[in-house]
Amino acid sequence: MKLNKHIAALCIGTFCLGVAELGIVPVLTDVAHSLHVSIPQAGLYISAYAAGVCAGIIGLLVFARSVNLKYTLLAAAVLILVGNASAALAQNDYMMLAARFISGSPHG
C-alpha cells in the first residue's frame, strides 16, 4: 500500500494541532506553579486557545478567501510555530494567555 504524501502531511498537521490544543492539560498544575497562578486561573490557557480558534476562523473567512492557499497554509504554520514557541517561553500569565490565543488562531 502506497502512502499518499498529501494524506501524510494532513495527518502530521492534525496530530500537531491536537498536541498543541490538549498537550497542556496533563501539565496544567506544573504550568500554574511555574507562572505563580492558581490552577483554575491556569485553566484559562485552555479557554484562550479555544477563543483563538473562534477568532481565527472568522479571520480566515474574511481575509484569506482571496489569498493563495499555499500562502495561507504557510502563514498558519508560522502562527502555530510562533504561538507555541511563545507559550514555551512565557514568563507570566498574560504572555501565556496571548501565546495560547495566537497558537489557537490557525486551528480554525
PDB file of N, CA and C in Angstrom:
ATOM      1  N   MET A   1       0.842  -1.175   0.000  1.00  0.00           N
ATOM      2  CA  MET A   1       0.000   0.000   0.000  1.00  0.00           C
ATOM      3  C   MET A   1       0.883   1.233   0.000  1.00  0.00           C
ATOM      4  N   LYS A   2       0.626   2.126  -0.928  1.00  0.00           N
ATOM      5  CA  LYS A   2       1.431   3.330  -1.081  1.00  0.00           C
ATOM      6  C   LYS A   2       0.822   4.469  -0.251  1.00  0.00           C
ATOM      7  N   LEU A   3       1.673   5.188   0.483  1.00  0.00           N
ATOM      8  CA  LEU A   3       1.211   6.297   1.312  1.00  0.00           C
ATOM      9  C   LEU A   3       1.208   7.578   0.500  1.00  0.00           C
ATOM     10  N   ASN A   4       0.084   8.226   0.442  1.00  0.00           N
ATOM     11  CA  ASN A   4      -0.052   9.488  -0.265  1.00  0.00           C
ATOM     12  C   ASN A   4       0.592  10.587   0.575  1.00  0.00           C
ATOM     13  N   LYS A   5       1.476  11.388  -0.021  1.00  0.00           N
ATOM     14  CA  LYS A   5       2.192  12.409   0.744  1.00  0.00           C
ATOM     15  C   LYS A   5       1.264  13.500   1.248  1.00  0.00           C
ATOM     16  N   HIS A   6       0.171  13.753   0.546  1.00  0.00           N
ATOM     17  CA  HIS A   6      -0.773  14.764   0.995  1.00  0.00           C
ATOM     18  C   HIS A   6      -1.525  14.296   2.236  1.00  0.00           C
ATOM     19  N   ILE A   7      -1.897  13.038   2.255  1.00  0.00           N
ATOM     20  CA  ILE A   7      -2.579  12.477   3.418  1.00  0.00           C
ATOM     21  C   ILE A   7      -1.622  12.427   4.605  1.00  0.00           C
ATOM     22  N   ALA A   8      -0.372  12.096   4.356  1.00  0.00           N
ATOM     23  CA  ALA A   8       0.623  12.071   5.436  1.00  0.00           C
ATOM     24  C   ALA A   8       0.813  13.463   6.034  1.00  0.00           C
ATOM     25  N   ALA A   9       0.892  14.492   5.196  1.00  0.00           N
ATOM     26  CA  ALA A   9       1.036  15.861   5.691  1.00  0.00           C
ATOM     27  C   ALA A   9      -0.191  16.276   6.488  1.00  0.00           C
ATOM     28  N   LEU A  10      -1.369  15.891   6.030  1.00  0.00           N
ATOM     29  CA  LEU A  10      -2.596  16.198   6.757  1.00  0.00           C
ATOM     30  C   LEU A  10      -2.621  15.506   8.112  1.00  0.00           C
ATOM     31  N   CYS A  11      -2.190  14.262   8.159  1.00  0.00           N
ATOM     32  CA  CYS A  11      -2.145  13.523   9.420  1.00  0.00           C
ATOM     33  C   CYS A  11      -1.162  14.145  10.399  1.00  0.00           C
ATOM     34  N   ILE A  12       0.011  14.520   9.931  1.00  0.00           N
ATOM     35  CA  ILE A  12       1.013  15.139  10.796  1.00  0.00           C
ATOM     36  C   ILE A  12       0.514  16.484  11.310  1.00  0.00           C
ATOM     37  N   GLY A  13      -0.093  17.277  10.441  1.00  0.00           N
ATOM     38  CA  GLY A  13      -0.626  18.567  10.860  1.00  0.00           C
ATOM     39  C   GLY A  13      -1.734  18.435  11.884  1.00  0.00           C
ATOM     40  N   THR A  14      -2.620  17.475  11.688  1.00  0.00           N
ATOM     41  CA  THR A  14      -3.704  17.239  12.631  1.00  0.00           C
ATOM     42  C   THR A  14      -3.167  16.784  13.978  1.00  0.00           C
ATOM     43  N   PHE A  15      -2.175  15.929  13.959  1.00  0.00           N
ATOM     44  CA  PHE A  15      -1.550  15.479  15.205  1.00  0.00           C
ATOM     45  C   PHE A  15      -0.920  16.658  15.948  1.00  0.00           C
ATOM     46  N   CYS A  16      -0.202  17.502  15.226  1.00  0.00           N
ATOM     47  CA  CYS A  16       0.456  18.660  15.856  1.00  0.00           C
ATOM     48  C   CYS A  16      -0.562  19.622  16.457  1.00  0.00           C
ATOM     49  N   LEU A  17      -1.663  19.871  15.764  1.00  0.00           N
ATOM     50  CA  LEU A  17      -2.695  20.746  16.311  1.00  0.00           C
ATOM     51  C   LEU A  17      -3.351  20.126  17.542  1.00  0.00           C
ATOM     52  N   GLY A  18      -3.570  18.835  17.509  1.00  0.00           N
ATOM     53  CA  GLY A  18      -4.146  18.163  18.671  1.00  0.00           C
ATOM     54  C   GLY A  18      -3.240  18.220  19.881  1.00  0.00           C
ATOM     55  N   VAL A  19      -1.954  18.032  19.662  1.00  0.00           N
ATOM     56  CA  VAL A  19      -0.994  18.127  20.763  1.00  0.00           C
ATOM     57  C   VAL A  19      -0.926  19.558  21.288  1.00  0.00           C
ATOM     58  N   ALA A  20      -0.948  20.540  20.387  1.00  0.00           N
ATOM     59  CA  ALA A  20      -0.900  21.939  20.814  1.00  0.00           C
ATOM     60  C   ALA A  20      -2.146  22.308  21.607  1.00  0.00           C
ATOM     61  N   GLU A  21      -3.290  21.753  21.226  1.00  0.00           N
ATOM     62  CA  GLU A  21      -4.535  22.083  21.903  1.00  0.00           C
ATOM     63  C   GLU A  21      -4.641  21.400  23.261  1.00  0.00           C
ATOM     64  N   LEU A  22      -4.382  20.112  23.303  1.00  0.00           N
ATOM     65  CA  LEU A  22      -4.646  19.332  24.510  1.00  0.00           C
ATOM     66  C   LEU A  22      -3.396  18.951  25.293  1.00  0.00           C
ATOM     67  N   GLY A  23      -2.231  19.293  24.790  1.00  0.00           N
ATOM     68  CA  GLY A  23      -0.993  18.921  25.471  1.00  0.00           C
ATOM     69  C   GLY A  23      -0.784  19.625  26.792  1.00  0.00           C
ATOM     70  N   ILE A  24      -1.453  20.743  27.001  1.00  0.00           N
ATOM     71  CA  ILE A  24      -1.279  21.489  28.243  1.00  0.00           C
ATOM     72  C   ILE A  24      -2.066  20.866  29.397  1.00  0.00           C
ATOM     73  N   VAL A  25      -3.065  20.078  29.101  1.00  0.00           N
ATOM     74  CA  VAL A  25      -3.946  19.545  30.140  1.00  0.00           C
ATOM     75  C   VAL A  25      -3.188  18.719  31.184  1.00  0.00           C
ATOM     76  N   PRO A  26      -2.347  17.766  30.812  1.00  0.00           N
ATOM     77  CA  PRO A  26      -1.680  16.981  31.859  1.00  0.00           C
ATOM     78  C   PRO A  26      -0.623  17.754  32.642  1.00  0.00           C
ATOM     79  N   VAL A  27      -0.135  18.849  32.112  1.00  0.00           N
ATOM     80  CA  VAL A  27       0.911  19.609  32.797  1.00  0.00           C
ATOM     81  C   VAL A  27       0.386  20.940  33.335  1.00  0.00           C
ATOM     82  N   LEU A  28      -0.929  21.086  33.417  1.00  0.00           N
ATOM     83  CA  LEU A  28      -1.525  22.357  33.817  1.00  0.00           C
ATOM     84  C   LEU A  28      -1.113  22.767  35.223  1.00  0.00           C
ATOM     85  N   THR A  29      -1.053  21.817  36.155  1.00  0.00           N
ATOM     86  CA  THR A  29      -0.649  22.172  37.519  1.00  0.00           C
ATOM     87  C   THR A  29       0.794  22.648  37.563  1.00  0.00           C
ATOM     88  N   ASP A  30       1.666  22.014  36.799  1.00  0.00           N
ATOM     89  CA  ASP A  30       3.068  22.445  36.764  1.00  0.00           C
ATOM     90  C   ASP A  30       3.205  23.835  36.138  1.00  0.00           C
ATOM     91  N   VAL A  31       2.434  24.091  35.085  1.00  0.00           N
ATOM     92  CA  VAL A  31       2.457  25.409  34.447  1.00  0.00           C
ATOM     93  C   VAL A  31       1.935  26.461  35.415  1.00  0.00           C
ATOM     94  N   ALA A  32       0.876  26.142  36.149  1.00  0.00           N
ATOM     95  CA  ALA A  32       0.318  27.088  37.118  1.00  0.00           C
ATOM     96  C   ALA A  32       1.337  27.426  38.199  1.00  0.00           C
ATOM     97  N   HIS A  33       2.033  26.421  38.690  1.00  0.00           N
ATOM     98  CA  HIS A  33       3.041  26.674  39.721  1.00  0.00           C
ATOM     99  C   HIS A  33       4.209  27.487  39.180  1.00  0.00           C
ATOM    100  N   SER A  34       4.646  27.196  37.976  1.00  0.00           N
ATOM    101  CA  SER A  34       5.800  27.920  37.430  1.00  0.00           C
ATOM    102  C   SER A  34       5.465  29.359  37.072  1.00  0.00           C
ATOM    103  N   LEU A  35       4.200  29.642  36.746  1.00  0.00           N
ATOM    104  CA  LEU A  35       3.797  31.021  36.431  1.00  0.00           C
ATOM    105  C   LEU A  35       3.161  31.720  37.627  1.00  0.00           C
ATOM    106  N   HIS A  36       3.133  31.042  38.778  1.00  0.00           N
ATOM    107  CA  HIS A  36       2.644  31.610  40.039  1.00  0.00           C
ATOM    108  C   HIS A  36       1.180  32.059  39.939  1.00  0.00           C
ATOM    109  N   VAL A  37       0.342  31.192  39.382  1.00  0.00           N
ATOM    110  CA  VAL A  37      -1.093  31.438  39.317  1.00  0.00           C
ATOM    111  C   VAL A  37      -1.811  30.223  39.891  1.00  0.00           C
ATOM    112  N   SER A  38      -3.085  30.391  40.205  1.00  0.00           N
ATOM    113  CA  SER A  38      -3.867  29.261  40.704  1.00  0.00           C
ATOM    114  C   SER A  38      -4.203  28.319  39.548  1.00  0.00           C
ATOM    115  N   ILE A  39      -4.555  27.111  39.895  1.00  0.00           N
ATOM    116  CA  ILE A  39      -4.882  26.121  38.864  1.00  0.00           C
ATOM    117  C   ILE A  39      -6.135  26.526  38.082  1.00  0.00           C
ATOM    118  N   PRO A  40      -7.213  27.028  38.740  1.00  0.00           N
ATOM    119  CA  PRO A  40      -8.352  27.492  37.937  1.00  0.00           C
ATOM    120  C   PRO A  40      -7.993  28.659  37.012  1.00  0.00           C
ATOM    121  N   GLN A  41      -7.112  29.532  37.455  1.00  0.00           N
ATOM    122  CA  GLN A  41      -6.692  30.639  36.595  1.00  0.00           C
ATOM    123  C   GLN A  41      -5.872  30.111  35.416  1.00  0.00           C
ATOM    124  N   ALA A  42      -5.068  29.092  35.649  1.00  0.00           N
ATOM    125  CA  ALA A  42      -4.296  28.491  34.570  1.00  0.00           C
ATOM    126  C   ALA A  42      -5.206  27.762  33.585  1.00  0.00           C
ATOM    127  N   GLY A  43      -6.387  27.357  34.023  1.00  0.00           N
ATOM    128  CA  GLY A  43      -7.345  26.743  33.115  1.00  0.00           C
ATOM    129  C   GLY A  43      -7.794  27.685  32.008  1.00  0.00           C
ATOM    130  N   LEU A  44      -7.600  28.980  32.234  1.00  0.00           N
ATOM    131  CA  LEU A  44      -7.921  29.951  31.191  1.00  0.00           C
ATOM    132  C   LEU A  44      -6.999  29.810  29.975  1.00  0.00           C
ATOM    133  N   TYR A  45      -5.864  29.156  30.128  1.00  0.00           N
ATOM    134  CA  TYR A  45      -4.980  28.941  28.984  1.00  0.00           C
ATOM    135  C   TYR A  45      -5.662  28.051  27.947  1.00  0.00           C
ATOM    136  N   ILE A  46      -6.451  27.108  28.430  1.00  0.00           N
ATOM    137  CA  ILE A  46      -7.203  26.246  27.517  1.00  0.00           C
ATOM    138  C   ILE A  46      -8.306  27.056  26.839  1.00  0.00           C
ATOM    139  N   SER A  47      -8.953  27.920  27.617  1.00  0.00           N
ATOM    140  CA  SER A  47     -10.000  28.773  27.046  1.00  0.00           C
ATOM    141  C   SER A  47      -9.430  29.788  26.060  1.00  0.00           C
ATOM    142  N   ALA A  48      -8.224  30.276  26.314  1.00  0.00           N
ATOM    143  CA  ALA A  48      -7.593  31.226  25.393  1.00  0.00           C
ATOM    144  C   ALA A  48      -7.322  30.569  24.048  1.00  0.00           C
ATOM    145  N   TYR A  49      -6.933  29.307  24.069  1.00  0.00           N
ATOM    146  CA  TYR A  49      -6.723  28.579  22.820  1.00  0.00           C
ATOM    147  C   TYR A  49      -8.043  28.460  22.064  1.00  0.00           C
ATOM    148  N   ALA A  50      -9.119  28.123  22.791  1.00  0.00           N
ATOM    149  CA  ALA A  50     -10.438  27.982  22.152  1.00  0.00           C
ATOM    150  C   ALA A  50     -10.918  29.314  21.586  1.00  0.00           C
ATOM    151  N   ALA A  51     -10.660  30.404  22.304  1.00  0.00           N
ATOM    152  CA  ALA A  51     -11.033  31.727  21.793  1.00  0.00           C
ATOM    153  C   ALA A  51     -10.229  32.059  20.543  1.00  0.00           C
ATOM    154  N   GLY A  52      -8.973  31.645  20.513  1.00  0.00           N
ATOM    155  CA  GLY A  52      -8.147  31.835  19.322  1.00  0.00           C
ATOM    156  C   GLY A  52      -8.677  31.066  18.131  1.00  0.00           C
ATOM    157  N   VAL A  53      -9.189  29.871  18.380  1.00  0.00           N
ATOM    158  CA  VAL A  53      -9.781  29.082  17.295  1.00  0.00           C
ATOM    159  C   VAL A  53     -10.993  29.815  16.719  1.00  0.00           C
ATOM    160  N   CYS A  54     -11.833  30.343  17.600  1.00  0.00           N
ATOM    161  CA  CYS A  54     -13.033  31.065  17.134  1.00  0.00           C
ATOM    162  C   CYS A  54     -12.663  32.326  16.370  1.00  0.00           C
ATOM    163  N   ALA A  55     -11.720  33.081  16.884  1.00  0.00           N
ATOM    164  CA  ALA A  55     -11.295  34.303  16.193  1.00  0.00           C
ATOM    165  C   ALA A  55     -10.560  33.973  14.900  1.00  0.00           C
ATOM    166  N   GLY A  56      -9.814  32.894  14.910  1.00  0.00           N
ATOM    167  CA  GLY A  56      -9.053  32.514  13.729  1.00  0.00           C
ATOM    168  C   GLY A  56      -9.915  32.117  12.556  1.00  0.00           C
ATOM    169  N   ILE A  57     -11.011  31.430  12.816  1.00  0.00           N
ATOM    170  CA  ILE A  57     -11.871  31.022  11.710  1.00  0.00           C
ATOM    171  C   ILE A  57     -12.568  32.222  11.105  1.00  0.00           C
ATOM    172  N   ILE A  58     -12.913  33.203  11.925  1.00  0.00           N
ATOM    173  CA  ILE A  58     -13.518  34.426  11.389  1.00  0.00           C
ATOM    174  C   ILE A  58     -12.503  35.174  10.538  1.00  0.00           C
ATOM    175  N   GLY A  59     -11.284  35.289  11.037  1.00  0.00           N
ATOM    176  CA  GLY A  59     -10.231  35.946  10.260  1.00  0.00           C
ATOM    177  C   GLY A  59      -9.918  35.210   8.974  1.00  0.00           C
ATOM    178  N   LEU A  60      -9.946  33.901   9.041  1.00  0.00           N
ATOM    179  CA  LEU A  60      -9.684  33.107   7.844  1.00  0.00           C
ATOM    180  C   LEU A  60     -10.784  33.307   6.809  1.00  0.00           C
ATOM    181  N   LEU A  61     -12.016  33.333   7.245  1.00  0.00           N
ATOM    182  CA  LEU A  61     -13.123  33.529   6.308  1.00  0.00           C
ATOM    183  C   LEU A  61     -13.116  34.920   5.690  1.00  0.00           C
ATOM    184  N   VAL A  62     -12.732  35.916   6.465  1.00  0.00           N
ATOM    185  CA  VAL A  62     -12.780  37.291   5.984  1.00  0.00           C
ATOM    186  C   VAL A  62     -11.561  37.638   5.125  1.00  0.00           C
ATOM    187  N   PHE A  63     -10.371  37.316   5.613  1.00  0.00           N
ATOM    188  CA  PHE A  63      -9.151  37.802   4.970  1.00  0.00           C
ATOM    189  C   PHE A  63      -8.499  36.818   4.008  1.00  0.00           C
ATOM    190  N   ALA A  64      -8.644  35.536   4.252  1.00  0.00           N
ATOM    191  CA  ALA A  64      -7.865  34.567   3.481  1.00  0.00           C
ATOM    192  C   ALA A  64      -8.597  34.014   2.264  1.00  0.00           C
ATOM    193  N   ARG A  65      -9.785  34.490   2.006  1.00  0.00           N
ATOM    194  CA  ARG A  65     -10.521  33.976   0.848  1.00  0.00           C
ATOM    195  C   ARG A  65      -9.832  34.294  -0.469  1.00  0.00           C
ATOM    196  N   SER A  66      -9.267  35.484  -0.547  1.00  0.00           N
ATOM    197  CA  SER A  66      -8.678  35.916  -1.814  1.00  0.00           C
ATOM    198  C   SER A  66      -7.186  35.608  -1.916  1.00  0.00           C
ATOM    199  N   VAL A  67      -6.603  35.028  -0.885  1.00  0.00           N
ATOM    200  CA  VAL A  67      -5.173  34.737  -0.865  1.00  0.00           C
ATOM    201  C   VAL A  67      -4.944  33.307  -1.358  1.00  0.00           C
ATOM    202  N   ASN A  68      -3.817  33.095  -2.001  1.00  0.00           N
ATOM    203  CA  ASN A  68      -3.427  31.774  -2.473  1.00  0.00           C
ATOM    204  C   ASN A  68      -3.391  30.790  -1.300  1.00  0.00           C
ATOM    205  N   LEU A  69      -3.889  29.597  -1.501  1.00  0.00           N
ATOM    206  CA  LEU A  69      -3.964  28.589  -0.450  1.00  0.00           C
ATOM    207  C   LEU A  69      -2.589  28.249   0.112  1.00  0.00           C
ATOM    208  N   LYS A  70      -1.589  28.207  -0.737  1.00  0.00           N
ATOM    209  CA  LYS A  70      -0.232  27.883  -0.288  1.00  0.00           C
ATOM    210  C   LYS A  70       0.269  28.917   0.721  1.00  0.00           C
ATOM    211  N   TYR A  71       0.011  30.201   0.453  1.00  0.00           N
ATOM    212  CA  TYR A  71       0.441  31.258   1.367  1.00  0.00           C
ATOM    213  C   TYR A  71      -0.378  31.248   2.655  1.00  0.00           C
ATOM    214  N   THR A  72      -1.639  30.891   2.548  1.00  0.00           N
ATOM    215  CA  THR A  72      -2.478  30.800   3.737  1.00  0.00           C
ATOM    216  C   THR A  72      -1.980  29.688   4.661  1.00  0.00           C
ATOM    217  N   LEU A  73      -1.648  28.542   4.095  1.00  0.00           N
ATOM    218  CA  LEU A  73      -1.129  27.429   4.899  1.00  0.00           C
ATOM    219  C   LEU A  73       0.228  27.761   5.500  1.00  0.00           C
ATOM    220  N   LEU A  74       1.060  28.457   4.753  1.00  0.00           N
ATOM    221  CA  LEU A  74       2.366  28.865   5.273  1.00  0.00           C
ATOM    222  C   LEU A  74       2.196  29.845   6.430  1.00  0.00           C
ATOM    223  N   ALA A  75       1.295  30.802   6.286  1.00  0.00           N
ATOM    224  CA  ALA A  75       1.039  31.756   7.366  1.00  0.00           C
ATOM    225  C   ALA A  75       0.490  31.045   8.599  1.00  0.00           C
ATOM    226  N   ALA A  76      -0.377  30.063   8.404  1.00  0.00           N
ATOM    227  CA  ALA A  76      -0.916  29.302   9.536  1.00  0.00           C
ATOM    228  C   ALA A  76       0.187  28.528  10.242  1.00  0.00           C
ATOM    229  N   ALA A  77       1.081  27.916   9.483  1.00  0.00           N
ATOM    230  CA  ALA A  77       2.191  27.176  10.085  1.00  0.00           C
ATOM    231  C   ALA A  77       3.107  28.098  10.880  1.00  0.00           C
ATOM    232  N   VAL A  78       3.344  29.294  10.362  1.00  0.00           N
ATOM    233  CA  VAL A  78       4.183  30.259  11.077  1.00  0.00           C
ATOM    234  C   VAL A  78       3.499  30.705  12.367  1.00  0.00           C
ATOM    235  N   LEU A  79       2.189  30.944  12.314  1.00  0.00           N
ATOM    236  CA  LEU A  79       1.458  31.334  13.522  1.00  0.00           C
ATOM    237  C   LEU A  79       1.485  30.232  14.580  1.00  0.00           C
ATOM    238  N   ILE A  80       1.364  28.998  14.155  1.00  0.00           N
ATOM    239  CA  ILE A  80       1.437  27.880  15.096  1.00  0.00           C
ATOM    240  C   ILE A  80       2.819  27.827  15.736  1.00  0.00           C
ATOM    241  N   LEU A  81       3.849  27.978  14.931  1.00  0.00           N
ATOM    242  CA  LEU A  81       5.221  27.950  15.444  1.00  0.00           C
ATOM    243  C   LEU A  81       5.468  29.092  16.422  1.00  0.00           C
ATOM    244  N   VAL A  82       5.083  30.298  16.036  1.00  0.00           N
ATOM    245  CA  VAL A  82       5.295  31.466  16.891  1.00  0.00           C
ATOM    246  C   VAL A  82       4.498  31.339  18.190  1.00  0.00           C
ATOM    247  N   GLY A  83       3.247  30.923  18.090  1.00  0.00           N
ATOM    248  CA  GLY A  83       2.414  30.787  19.283  1.00  0.00           C
ATOM    249  C   GLY A  83       2.934  29.735  20.242  1.00  0.00           C
ATOM    250  N   ASN A  84       3.322  28.582  19.740  1.00  0.00           N
ATOM    251  CA  ASN A  84       3.810  27.522  20.620  1.00  0.00           C
ATOM    252  C   ASN A  84       5.176  27.858  21.211  1.00  0.00           C
ATOM    253  N   ALA A  85       6.046  28.483  20.425  1.00  0.00           N
ATOM    254  CA  ALA A  85       7.343  28.911  20.966  1.00  0.00           C
ATOM    255  C   ALA A  85       7.156  29.985  22.028  1.00  0.00           C
ATOM    256  N   SER A  86       6.219  30.897  21.797  1.00  0.00           N
ATOM    257  CA  SER A  86       5.943  31.945  22.786  1.00  0.00           C
ATOM    258  C   SER A  86       5.362  31.346  24.063  1.00  0.00           C
ATOM    259  N   ALA A  87       4.519  30.352  23.928  1.00  0.00           N
ATOM    260  CA  ALA A  87       3.956  29.693  25.114  1.00  0.00           C
ATOM    261  C   ALA A  87       5.051  28.968  25.899  1.00  0.00           C
ATOM    262  N   ALA A  88       5.986  28.375  25.201  1.00  0.00           N
ATOM    263  CA  ALA A  88       7.072  27.675  25.880  1.00  0.00           C
ATOM    264  C   ALA A  88       7.990  28.642  26.618  1.00  0.00           C
ATOM    265  N   LEU A  89       8.098  29.861  26.110  1.00  0.00           N
ATOM    266  CA  LEU A  89       8.998  30.850  26.709  1.00  0.00           C
ATOM    267  C   LEU A  89       8.276  31.895  27.555  1.00  0.00           C
ATOM    268  N   ALA A  90       6.986  31.721  27.793  1.00  0.00           N
ATOM    269  CA  ALA A  90       6.192  32.713  28.526  1.00  0.00           C
ATOM    270  C   ALA A  90       6.723  32.889  29.945  1.00  0.00           C
ATOM    271  N   GLN A  91       6.811  34.157  30.351  1.00  0.00           N
ATOM    272  CA  GLN A  91       7.331  34.483  31.674  1.00  0.00           C
ATOM    273  C   GLN A  91       6.234  34.816  32.681  1.00  0.00           C
ATOM    274  N   ASN A  92       5.042  35.146  32.193  1.00  0.00           N
ATOM    275  CA  ASN A  92       3.959  35.488  33.116  1.00  0.00           C
ATOM    276  C   ASN A  92       2.616  35.049  32.521  1.00  0.00           C
ATOM    277  N   ASP A  93       1.578  35.314  33.279  1.00  0.00           N
ATOM    278  CA  ASP A  93       0.237  34.871  32.918  1.00  0.00           C
ATOM    279  C   ASP A  93      -0.248  35.496  31.618  1.00  0.00           C
ATOM    280  N   TYR A  94      -0.028  36.779  31.444  1.00  0.00           N
ATOM    281  CA  TYR A  94      -0.524  37.473  30.253  1.00  0.00           C
ATOM    282  C   TYR A  94       0.193  37.023  28.980  1.00  0.00           C
ATOM    283  N   MET A  95       1.472  36.763  29.096  1.00  0.00           N
ATOM    284  CA  MET A  95       2.216  36.260  27.933  1.00  0.00           C
ATOM    285  C   MET A  95       1.696  34.880  27.532  1.00  0.00           C
ATOM    286  N   MET A  96       1.397  34.047  28.514  1.00  0.00           N
ATOM    287  CA  MET A  96       0.896  32.704  28.221  1.00  0.00           C
ATOM    288  C   MET A  96      -0.493  32.777  27.594  1.00  0.00           C
ATOM    289  N   LEU A  97      -1.355  33.654  28.104  1.00  0.00           N
ATOM    290  CA  LEU A  97      -2.685  33.801  27.516  1.00  0.00           C
ATOM    291  C   LEU A  97      -2.596  34.263  26.064  1.00  0.00           C
ATOM    292  N   ALA A  98      -1.745  35.244  25.800  1.00  0.00           N
ATOM    293  CA  ALA A  98      -1.583  35.742  24.428  1.00  0.00           C
ATOM    294  C   ALA A  98      -0.998  34.670  23.520  1.00  0.00           C
ATOM    295  N   ALA A  99      -0.024  33.933  24.015  1.00  0.00           N
ATOM    296  CA  ALA A  99       0.612  32.890  23.210  1.00  0.00           C
ATOM    297  C   ALA A  99      -0.372  31.771  22.880  1.00  0.00           C
ATOM    298  N   ARG A 100      -1.191  31.390  23.840  1.00  0.00           N
ATOM    299  CA  ARG A 100      -2.181  30.340  23.591  1.00  0.00           C
ATOM    300  C   ARG A 100      -3.247  30.815  22.595  1.00  0.00           C
ATOM    301  N   PHE A 101      -3.622  32.105  22.686  1.00  0.00           N
ATOM    302  CA  PHE A 101      -4.571  32.666  21.722  1.00  0.00           C
ATOM    303  C   PHE A 101      -3.987  32.644  20.320  1.00  0.00           C
ATOM    304  N   ILE A 102      -2.732  33.050  20.195  1.00  0.00           N
ATOM    305  CA  ILE A 102      -2.069  33.079  18.893  1.00  0.00           C
ATOM    306  C   ILE A 102      -1.932  31.674  18.309  1.00  0.00           C
ATOM    307  N   SER A 103      -1.544  30.715  19.144  1.00  0.00           N
ATOM    308  CA  SER A 103      -1.378  29.363  18.623  1.00  0.00           C
ATOM    309  C   SER A 103      -2.714  28.705  18.287  1.00  0.00           C
ATOM    310  N   GLY A 104      -3.811  29.187  18.872  1.00  0.00           N
ATOM    311  CA  GLY A 104      -5.126  28.643  18.532  1.00  0.00           C
ATOM    312  C   GLY A 104      -5.727  29.253  17.281  1.00  0.00           C
ATOM    313  N   SER A 105      -5.275  30.434  16.895  1.00  0.00           N
ATOM    314  CA  SER A 105      -5.909  31.129  15.779  1.00  0.00           C
ATOM    315  C   SER A 105      -5.807  30.378  14.440  1.00  0.00           C
ATOM    316  N   PRO A 106      -4.725  29.716  14.106  1.00  0.00           N
ATOM    317  CA  PRO A 106      -4.723  28.987  12.820  1.00  0.00           C
ATOM    318  C   PRO A 106      -5.498  27.668  12.862  1.00  0.00           C
ATOM    319  N   HIS A 107      -5.882  27.221  14.037  1.00  0.00           N
ATOM    320  CA  HIS A 107      -6.569  25.940  14.160  1.00  0.00           C
ATOM    321  C   HIS A 107      -7.939  25.967  13.464  1.00  0.00           C
ATOM    322  N   GLY A 108      -8.567  27.140  13.451  1.00  0.00           N
ATOM    323  CA  GLY A 108      -9.885  27.258  12.820  1.00  0.00           C
ATOM    324  C   GLY A 108      -9.826  26.946  11.358  1.00  0.00           C
TER     325      GLY A 108
END
